[in-house]
Amino acid sequence: MGKMKILGLEIEDSPPYQEVTGHLVAILLLLILGFTAGNYLYNGIIRPVFTEKIDFEAYYNGALAFRYKFPLYQTMVDFFKVGPYAYEGPLPYVYPPFFAIFLSPLAYLSFNTAVFVWFFINQILFFSGIYLLLRTMSRKYSSIEIAVLLFVFMNFTPLFVDYLIGQCNVILFFLITAGLYCYRSDKPVYAGIAMALACVIKVIPVLLLFYALWKRQFKVFLAGMLTLLSIFSYSLLFFDVKLFPWYLKFMMHQTLFNAFHDNHSITGFFSRLLTHSMWIKGLFDSPTAARLCIALTSLVVIGVFLVVTRKKTKVSDSETPREYALGVVTMLLLSKMTSTPYLVMLLLPLGVMAKDMLDKKVGGKWLICLPLVYAALTAWYPLSVGKFLEMDYYTLFLEGFQANLFFNPVFRRCRTLVLFCFWKHGS
């Protein structure tokens, strides 16, 4: 009589044991799904409904400014001039001019109604993004795989933080996931459009378009560039052409939030470590050293990305989601500001990572450490408080932890590096 392994334990492969095992697995899956549903219902729906949407207020103010033809960035200039503690005006709109056009319909609604509409849209796009990601990775899933993946997606703390403050990163998650889905489905034009729409909200997703160019997917790149050109041309009906270079220059030279304790990017790490700011006192105050370290580390990250993704692949290859996931991680590391809500976009790499683990494509040594990484990203933010806390040293450590994992030496037989290291062949 044979034996089978479940969670590393050898169990007799006989009808009585199979029946007991089947019941245990069913109970475990029900517990996982029950916890996931309850946690998402409370932290993903109930709490956000009764929480003040801090960041959404800035979006709404941008929509109002666009509708009533107020100076779009006057409040932003005033905010950065006097600092967040001395500023007493409305929350400033700090996003690209294009995004204000997309937000403008909200200005025709009352604030409370607009909050509800925004929250509803985010919920729809979150589950739509999950569906597209699942369809991208595989067409068939077992009940265990579904339970594990839903647990990963629906218990992610940065997602709840995004809901709580009314951020837009769920929309970005949907757009970059739609880009990957269309990319793998051999729909290059739609892939380029999806990536370009993500760039309309925040500039940094343009890296994904250049990834397509690097992989010689010229239709994707051209579709994205033409989409951005079309949106830019349309926006000139409402904005002076000088506003766009002014905005880019202003944001590039802005350093107020570089050392913010909730900034998980390379910029945030070295700014906290090597400069003194209103947020934290670093080891010493040397902005020049910080800029040099940021530049050199960013070049290393870009170099790693280019080396890992240099191999010519087809869009249908299993390597494609891993390379794209690495692009998302690289994007978040290079971003000037990557606060906790931005990490919602990590759901795509985490999903790819979880599917690789379920398919046993990750080396055995990582089957323990990768879930621990997910746990760190999921649980570190104090949801019970619901506000940003002064956790300077902890976030400094967390950023170092993430960067260390990104640059971790690759074991033999490693064929590609994606979020916290993926393997094409398990060790």
Protein backbone atom coordinates (compact mmCIF):
# COMPACT_ATOMS: atom_id res chain seq x y z
CA MET A 1 0.00 0.00 0.00
CA GLY A 2 1.45 3.36 -1.02
CA LYS A 3 1.88 6.59 0.84
CA MET A 4 1.16 10.18 -0.07
CA LYS A 5 2.63 13.42 1.20
CA ILE A 6 0.55 16.29 2.57
CA LEU A 7 2.39 19.33 3.89
CA GLY A 8 5.54 17.20 4.10
CA LEU A 9 3.95 14.39 6.14
CA GLU A 10 3.65 10.84 4.85
CA ILE A 11 0.12 9.44 5.12
CA GLU A 12 -1.14 6.03 4.17
CA ASP A 13 -2.79 6.15 0.74
CA SER A 14 -5.80 3.99 1.60
CA PRO A 15 -9.55 4.76 1.31
CA PRO A 16 -10.10 5.53 5.03
CA TYR A 17 -7.13 7.88 5.13
CA GLN A 18 -8.12 9.48 1.84
CA GLU A 19 -11.61 10.19 3.17
CA VAL A 20 -10.28 11.72 6.39
CA THR A 21 -7.73 13.76 4.46
CA GLY A 22 -10.40 15.00 2.08
CA HIS A 23 -12.54 16.18 5.00
CA LEU A 24 -9.57 17.92 6.65
CA VAL A 25 -8.65 19.72 3.43
CA ALA A 26 -12.28 20.80 2.93
CA ILE A 27 -12.47 22.15 6.49
CA LEU A 28 -9.15 23.98 6.05
CA LEU A 29 -10.31 25.56 2.79
CA LEU A 30 -13.58 26.68 4.40
CA LEU A 31 -11.66 28.25 7.30
CA ILE A 32 -9.31 30.06 4.90
CA LEU A 33 -12.16 31.34 2.74
CA GLY A 34 -14.27 32.25 5.80
CA PHE A 35 -11.44 34.27 7.34
CA THR A 36 -10.68 35.93 4.01
CA ALA A 37 -14.32 36.90 3.43
CA GLY A 38 -14.75 38.23 6.97
CA ASN A 39 -11.49 40.16 6.93
CA TYR A 40 -12.24 41.72 3.55
CA LEU A 41 -15.81 42.55 4.55
CA TYR A 42 -14.61 44.44 7.63
CA ASN A 43 -11.33 46.01 6.49
CA GLY A 44 -12.14 46.27 2.77
CA ILE A 45 -15.74 47.45 2.90
CA ILE A 46 -17.14 48.37 6.32
CA ARG A 47 -14.18 50.34 7.70
CA PRO A 48 -13.53 52.33 4.50
CA VAL A 49 -17.18 53.36 4.32
CA PHE A 50 -16.88 55.08 7.72
CA THR A 51 -13.36 56.48 7.27
CA GLU A 52 -12.45 59.97 6.08
CA LYS A 53 -10.98 59.75 2.57
CA ILE A 54 -7.95 62.00 2.93
CA ASP A 55 -6.40 61.48 -0.48
CA PHE A 56 -9.70 61.39 -2.33
CA GLU A 57 -10.36 64.90 -1.07
CA ALA A 58 -7.32 66.01 -3.08
CA TYR A 59 -8.72 64.29 -6.20
CA TYR A 60 -12.06 65.95 -5.66
CA ASN A 61 -10.42 69.36 -5.25
CA GLY A 62 -8.58 68.79 -8.53
CA ALA A 63 -11.85 67.92 -10.24
CA LEU A 64 -13.49 71.08 -8.85
CA ALA A 65 -10.54 73.23 -9.95
CA PHE A 66 -10.78 71.82 -13.46
CA ARG A 67 -14.54 72.28 -13.68
CA TYR A 68 -14.53 75.87 -12.42
CA LYS A 69 -11.27 76.79 -14.18
CA PHE A 70 -9.34 77.55 -11.01
CA PRO A 71 -5.50 77.32 -11.13
CA LEU A 72 -4.97 73.58 -10.90
CA TYR A 73 -1.70 73.66 -8.96
CA GLN A 74 -1.92 76.84 -6.88
CA THR A 75 -2.74 74.93 -3.70
CA MET A 76 0.10 72.49 -4.43
CA VAL A 77 2.62 75.34 -4.72
CA ASP A 78 1.36 76.86 -1.46
CA PHE A 79 1.48 73.48 0.28
CA PHE A 80 5.10 72.77 -0.63
CA LYS A 81 6.12 76.35 0.09
CA VAL A 82 4.98 76.41 3.74
CA GLY A 83 5.09 72.68 4.53
CA PRO A 84 2.37 70.27 5.66
CA TYR A 85 2.26 71.47 9.28
CA ALA A 86 1.85 75.18 8.51
CA TYR A 87 -0.43 74.76 5.48
CA GLU A 88 -4.10 75.48 6.21
CA GLY A 89 -5.74 75.40 2.77
CA PRO A 90 -7.62 72.61 0.99
CA LEU A 91 -5.72 69.41 0.24
CA PRO A 92 -3.68 70.05 -2.91
CA TYR A 93 -4.01 68.18 -6.19
CA VAL A 94 -0.51 66.89 -7.07
CA TYR A 95 -1.16 64.53 -9.98
CA PRO A 96 -0.58 65.06 -13.74
CA PRO A 97 -2.95 67.46 -15.54
CA PHE A 98 -4.42 64.61 -17.65
CA PHE A 99 -5.79 62.90 -14.57
CA ALA A 100 -7.83 65.97 -13.60
CA ILE A 101 -9.76 65.60 -16.88
CA PHE A 102 -10.66 62.00 -16.03
CA LEU A 103 -11.68 63.05 -12.52
CA SER A 104 -13.80 65.98 -13.68
CA PRO A 105 -17.17 64.10 -13.74
CA LEU A 106 -16.87 63.75 -9.95
CA ALA A 107 -17.09 67.55 -9.63
CA TYR A 108 -20.75 67.37 -10.67
CA LEU A 109 -21.54 65.26 -7.60
CA SER A 110 -21.62 66.17 -3.94
CA PHE A 111 -18.53 65.11 -2.04
CA ASN A 112 -20.27 62.25 -0.20
CA THR A 113 -21.81 60.93 -3.41
CA ALA A 114 -18.46 61.19 -5.20
CA VAL A 115 -16.80 59.22 -2.37
CA PHE A 116 -19.36 56.44 -2.77
CA VAL A 117 -18.94 56.35 -6.55
CA TRP A 118 -15.15 56.29 -6.20
CA PHE A 119 -15.29 53.47 -3.66
CA PHE A 120 -17.67 51.45 -5.85
CA ILE A 121 -15.42 51.89 -8.90
CA ASN A 122 -12.40 50.75 -6.88
CA GLN A 123 -14.20 47.63 -5.68
CA ILE A 124 -15.25 46.70 -9.21
CA LEU A 125 -11.77 47.29 -10.62
CA PHE A 126 -10.11 45.32 -7.83
CA PHE A 127 -12.09 42.17 -8.53
CA SER A 128 -11.81 42.74 -12.28
CA GLY A 129 -8.03 42.99 -11.91
CA ILE A 130 -7.96 39.76 -9.89
CA TYR A 131 -10.00 38.01 -12.58
CA LEU A 132 -7.67 39.22 -15.36
CA LEU A 133 -4.59 38.20 -13.38
CA LEU A 134 -5.97 34.71 -12.77
CA ARG A 135 -6.83 34.36 -16.45
CA THR A 136 -3.35 35.54 -17.36
CA MET A 137 -1.56 32.96 -15.23
CA SER A 138 -3.72 29.91 -16.01
CA ARG A 139 -7.07 28.78 -17.35
CA LYS A 140 -7.69 26.06 -14.78
CA TYR A 141 -7.31 26.13 -11.00
CA SER A 142 -7.92 23.62 -8.27
CA SER A 143 -10.00 24.55 -5.23
CA ILE A 144 -6.82 24.71 -3.13
CA GLU A 145 -5.18 27.10 -5.61
CA ILE A 146 -8.25 29.34 -5.65
CA ALA A 147 -8.34 29.46 -1.85
CA VAL A 148 -4.63 30.29 -1.55
CA LEU A 149 -4.70 32.97 -4.25
CA LEU A 150 -7.83 34.63 -2.85
CA PHE A 151 -6.17 34.61 0.58
CA VAL A 152 -3.15 36.40 -0.89
CA PHE A 153 -5.21 38.95 -2.82
CA MET A 154 -7.96 39.76 -0.32
CA ASN A 155 -5.91 39.96 2.91
CA PHE A 156 -3.29 42.40 1.65
CA THR A 157 -3.00 45.28 4.11
CA PRO A 158 -1.85 47.96 1.60
CA LEU A 159 -5.12 47.30 -0.25
CA PHE A 160 -7.09 48.16 2.88
CA VAL A 161 -4.98 51.27 3.45
CA ASP A 162 -5.71 52.34 -0.13
CA TYR A 163 -9.44 51.96 0.51
CA LEU A 164 -9.23 53.79 3.85
CA ILE A 165 -7.69 56.98 2.46
CA GLY A 166 -9.36 56.85 -0.97
CA GLN A 167 -6.21 56.44 -3.07
CA CYS A 168 -6.10 55.46 -6.76
CA ASN A 169 -3.70 52.51 -6.71
CA VAL A 170 -6.42 49.90 -7.21
CA ILE A 171 -7.10 51.57 -10.55
CA LEU A 172 -3.39 51.37 -11.35
CA PHE A 173 -3.35 47.70 -10.35
CA PHE A 174 -6.24 47.03 -12.72
CA LEU A 175 -4.61 48.91 -15.61
CA ILE A 176 -1.19 47.27 -15.33
CA THR A 177 -2.87 43.87 -14.95
CA ALA A 178 -5.03 44.57 -17.99
CA GLY A 179 -1.83 45.50 -19.81
CA LEU A 180 -0.28 42.14 -18.93
CA TYR A 181 -3.45 40.24 -19.85
CA CYS A 182 -3.67 41.88 -23.28
CA TYR A 183 0.09 41.53 -23.73
CA ARG A 184 -0.06 37.77 -23.19
CA SER A 185 -3.27 37.46 -25.21
CA ASP A 186 -1.47 38.89 -28.25
CA LYS A 187 -3.50 42.09 -28.22
CA PRO A 188 -0.64 44.60 -28.38
CA VAL A 189 -2.75 47.67 -29.11
CA TYR A 190 -4.98 47.16 -26.06
CA ALA A 191 -1.93 46.36 -23.94
CA GLY A 192 -0.29 49.64 -24.93
CA ILE A 193 -3.48 51.60 -24.26
CA ALA A 194 -3.84 50.07 -20.77
CA MET A 195 -0.23 50.88 -19.86
CA ALA A 196 -0.60 54.41 -21.22
CA LEU A 197 -3.73 55.01 -19.12
CA ALA A 198 -1.74 54.00 -16.05
CA CYS A 199 0.84 56.67 -16.99
CA VAL A 200 -1.94 59.26 -17.05
CA ILE A 201 -2.45 58.74 -13.31
CA LYS A 202 1.20 58.43 -12.28
CA VAL A 203 4.24 58.87 -14.48
CA ILE A 204 6.31 55.90 -13.26
CA PRO A 205 4.30 53.14 -15.10
CA VAL A 206 5.96 54.40 -18.29
CA LEU A 207 8.66 51.88 -17.35
CA LEU A 208 6.30 49.11 -18.49
CA LEU A 209 6.05 50.69 -21.93
CA PHE A 210 9.83 50.76 -22.18
CA TYR A 211 9.87 47.13 -21.07
CA ALA A 212 7.73 46.37 -24.13
CA LEU A 213 10.20 48.31 -26.28
CA TRP A 214 13.11 46.40 -24.70
CA LYS A 215 11.35 43.13 -25.61
CA ARG A 216 10.89 44.38 -29.19
CA GLN A 217 7.11 44.52 -28.82
CA PHE A 218 6.92 47.63 -30.96
CA LYS A 219 3.15 47.57 -31.42
CA VAL A 220 2.65 47.75 -27.65
CA PHE A 221 5.09 50.64 -27.30
CA LEU A 222 3.71 52.58 -30.27
CA ALA A 223 0.11 52.07 -29.15
CA GLY A 224 1.02 53.38 -25.72
CA MET A 225 2.92 56.39 -27.05
CA LEU A 226 0.13 57.26 -29.49
CA THR A 227 -2.41 57.00 -26.68
CA LEU A 228 -0.37 59.37 -24.53
CA LEU A 229 0.07 61.73 -27.48
CA SER A 230 -3.69 61.70 -28.12
CA ILE A 231 -4.48 62.42 -24.47
CA PHE A 232 -1.85 65.17 -24.40
CA SER A 233 -3.31 66.75 -27.55
CA TYR A 234 -6.82 66.62 -26.10
CA SER A 235 -5.64 68.15 -22.82
CA LEU A 236 -4.27 71.17 -24.72
CA LEU A 237 -7.88 72.21 -25.22
CA PHE A 238 -7.97 72.92 -21.46
CA PHE A 239 -4.37 73.57 -20.36
CA ASP A 240 -1.53 75.76 -21.56
CA VAL A 241 1.24 73.68 -23.11
CA LYS A 242 3.75 75.27 -20.69
CA LEU A 243 1.95 73.68 -17.75
CA PHE A 244 3.25 70.17 -18.54
CA PRO A 245 7.03 70.85 -18.49
CA TRP A 246 6.49 73.12 -15.47
CA TYR A 247 4.72 70.30 -13.61
CA LEU A 248 7.42 67.74 -14.39
CA LYS A 249 10.21 70.14 -13.40
CA PHE A 250 8.45 71.14 -10.19
CA MET A 251 7.88 67.53 -9.09
CA MET A 252 11.40 66.43 -10.02
CA HIS A 253 12.92 69.14 -7.82
CA GLN A 254 10.55 68.56 -4.92
CA THR A 255 12.18 66.86 -1.92
CA LEU A 256 9.68 67.46 0.90
CA PHE A 257 8.46 63.86 1.10
CA ASN A 258 11.67 62.09 0.10
CA ALA A 259 12.42 61.11 3.72
CA PHE A 260 8.79 60.52 4.66
CA HIS A 261 8.61 57.53 7.01
CA ASP A 262 6.11 55.78 4.75
CA ASN A 263 8.21 56.05 1.59
CA HIS A 264 9.42 52.55 0.61
CA SER A 265 11.33 53.50 -2.52
CA ILE A 266 15.09 53.74 -2.97
CA THR A 267 14.72 57.50 -2.64
CA GLY A 268 12.95 57.12 0.69
CA PHE A 269 15.55 54.71 2.05
CA PHE A 270 18.64 56.83 1.34
CA SER A 271 16.89 60.10 2.19
CA ARG A 272 16.05 58.80 5.66
CA LEU A 273 19.51 57.31 6.08
CA LEU A 274 21.69 60.20 4.86
CA THR A 275 19.75 63.42 5.42
CA HIS A 276 18.05 65.38 8.20
CA SER A 277 14.46 66.34 7.49
CA MET A 278 11.24 67.27 9.22
CA TRP A 279 10.40 63.55 9.30
CA ILE A 280 13.56 61.95 10.65
CA LYS A 281 17.18 62.62 11.57
CA GLY A 282 19.53 60.46 9.49
CA LEU A 283 23.01 59.23 10.31
CA PHE A 284 24.30 62.57 9.00
CA ASP A 285 23.00 65.40 6.83
CA SER A 286 24.42 65.01 3.32
CA PRO A 287 21.86 65.52 0.53
CA THR A 288 24.66 65.14 -2.03
CA ALA A 289 25.59 61.69 -0.70
CA ALA A 290 21.91 60.73 -0.67
CA ARG A 291 21.44 61.80 -4.29
CA LEU A 292 24.58 59.92 -5.33
CA CYS A 293 23.47 56.72 -3.58
CA ILE A 294 19.98 57.02 -5.07
CA ALA A 295 21.39 57.48 -8.57
CA LEU A 296 23.88 54.61 -8.32
CA THR A 297 21.39 52.21 -6.73
CA SER A 298 18.77 53.09 -9.32
CA LEU A 299 21.25 52.35 -12.09
CA VAL A 300 22.01 48.98 -10.50
CA VAL A 301 18.29 48.17 -10.28
CA ILE A 302 17.79 49.11 -13.92
CA GLY A 303 20.86 47.07 -14.87
CA VAL A 304 19.53 44.00 -13.03
CA PHE A 305 16.19 44.42 -14.75
CA LEU A 306 17.76 44.69 -18.21
CA VAL A 307 20.07 41.72 -17.66
CA VAL A 308 17.32 39.48 -16.30
CA THR A 309 14.90 40.33 -19.10
CA ARG A 310 17.44 40.31 -21.94
CA LYS A 311 16.49 36.84 -23.19
CA LYS A 312 14.23 36.86 -26.23
CA THR A 313 10.86 35.35 -25.34
CA LYS A 314 7.41 35.04 -26.83
CA VAL A 315 4.52 36.81 -25.15
CA SER A 316 2.93 33.43 -24.49
CA ASP A 317 6.00 32.07 -22.64
CA SER A 318 5.78 31.35 -18.92
CA GLU A 319 8.65 33.81 -18.37
CA THR A 320 6.56 36.77 -19.50
CA PRO A 321 4.46 37.24 -16.31
CA ARG A 322 7.63 36.94 -14.20
CA GLU A 323 9.48 39.55 -16.22
CA TYR A 324 6.48 41.86 -16.16
CA ALA A 325 6.21 41.34 -12.40
CA LEU A 326 9.85 42.29 -12.04
CA GLY A 327 9.04 45.44 -14.03
CA VAL A 328 6.36 46.35 -11.47
CA VAL A 329 8.79 45.79 -8.55
CA THR A 330 11.46 47.85 -10.32
CA MET A 331 8.90 50.57 -10.97
CA LEU A 332 8.04 50.81 -7.27
CA LEU A 333 11.69 50.84 -6.22
CA LEU A 334 12.54 53.63 -8.66
CA SER A 335 9.50 55.75 -7.90
CA LYS A 336 10.31 58.92 -6.03
CA MET A 337 7.45 58.23 -3.64
CA THR A 338 6.19 54.72 -2.85
CA SER A 339 3.91 54.93 0.17
CA THR A 340 1.99 51.97 1.58
CA PRO A 341 -1.04 52.35 -0.75
CA TYR A 342 1.30 52.11 -3.77
CA LEU A 343 2.10 48.56 -2.70
CA VAL A 344 -1.34 47.52 -3.96
CA MET A 345 0.43 47.12 -7.30
CA LEU A 346 2.52 44.37 -5.71
CA LEU A 347 -0.57 42.17 -5.90
CA LEU A 348 0.45 41.35 -9.47
CA PRO A 349 3.97 40.12 -8.56
CA LEU A 350 2.63 38.41 -5.44
CA GLY A 351 0.01 36.60 -7.51
CA VAL A 352 2.63 35.40 -9.98
CA MET A 353 4.85 34.35 -7.08
CA ALA A 354 2.05 32.43 -5.36
CA LYS A 355 1.11 30.63 -8.59
CA ASP A 356 4.74 29.62 -9.14
CA MET A 357 4.88 28.27 -5.61
CA LEU A 358 1.70 26.27 -6.15
CA ASP A 359 3.14 24.91 -9.40
CA LYS A 360 6.38 24.02 -7.57
CA LYS A 361 8.47 26.29 -9.81
CA VAL A 362 10.19 27.94 -6.85
CA GLY A 363 13.15 26.34 -5.09
CA GLY A 364 12.34 24.60 -1.82
CA LYS A 365 14.44 27.05 0.21
CA TRP A 366 12.04 29.83 -0.78
CA LEU A 367 8.83 28.05 0.17
CA ILE A 368 9.30 29.33 3.72
CA CYS A 369 10.91 32.76 3.21
CA LEU A 370 8.54 33.96 0.46
CA PRO A 371 5.40 33.58 2.62
CA LEU A 372 7.29 35.40 5.38
CA VAL A 373 7.92 38.29 2.97
CA TYR A 374 4.22 38.36 2.15
CA ALA A 375 3.40 38.34 5.87
CA ALA A 376 5.74 41.30 6.45
CA LEU A 377 4.16 43.29 3.64
CA THR A 378 0.67 42.32 4.77
CA ALA A 379 0.79 42.83 8.51
CA TRP A 380 3.23 45.65 9.29
CA TYR A 381 0.75 48.51 9.02
CA PRO A 382 -1.37 48.94 12.21
CA LEU A 383 -4.90 48.64 10.85
CA SER A 384 -6.37 48.98 14.32
CA VAL A 385 -5.14 52.56 14.41
CA GLY A 386 -5.90 53.44 10.80
CA LYS A 387 -3.53 56.39 10.76
CA PHE A 388 0.09 56.88 9.75
CA LEU A 389 2.34 56.51 12.76
CA GLU A 390 5.87 57.72 13.47
CA MET A 391 7.63 54.43 12.71
CA ASP A 392 10.82 55.86 11.25
CA TYR A 393 13.24 53.14 12.27
CA TYR A 394 10.87 50.32 11.47
CA THR A 395 10.10 51.57 7.99
CA LEU A 396 13.81 52.18 7.48
CA PHE A 397 14.41 48.52 8.34
CA LEU A 398 11.56 47.35 6.14
CA GLU A 399 12.91 49.24 3.16
CA GLY A 400 16.31 47.69 3.70
CA PHE A 401 14.63 44.28 3.96
CA GLN A 402 12.89 44.75 0.63
CA ALA A 403 16.02 46.01 -1.10
CA ASN A 404 18.07 43.10 0.29
CA LEU A 405 15.59 40.62 -1.11
CA PHE A 406 15.65 42.32 -4.49
CA PHE A 407 19.44 42.06 -4.72
CA ASN A 408 19.72 38.62 -3.07
CA PRO A 409 22.33 36.43 -4.82
CA VAL A 410 20.79 34.01 -7.24
CA PHE A 411 21.33 30.29 -6.68
CA ARG A 412 22.60 27.96 -9.40
CA ARG A 413 20.13 27.01 -12.13
CA CYS A 414 18.40 30.35 -11.64
CA ARG A 415 17.07 31.56 -14.98
CA THR A 416 15.28 34.75 -14.04
CA LEU A 417 14.77 37.10 -11.13
CA VAL A 418 11.39 38.57 -10.32
CA LEU A 419 9.71 39.65 -7.14
CA PHE A 420 11.95 38.38 -4.34
CA CYS A 421 13.47 35.86 -6.81
CA PHE A 422 11.52 33.41 -8.96
CA TRP A 423 12.93 30.25 -10.44
CA LYS A 424 12.09 28.69 -13.76
CA HIS A 425 13.43 25.38 -12.45
CA GLY A 426 13.01 24.51 -8.77
CA SER A 427 16.16 23.57 -6.98
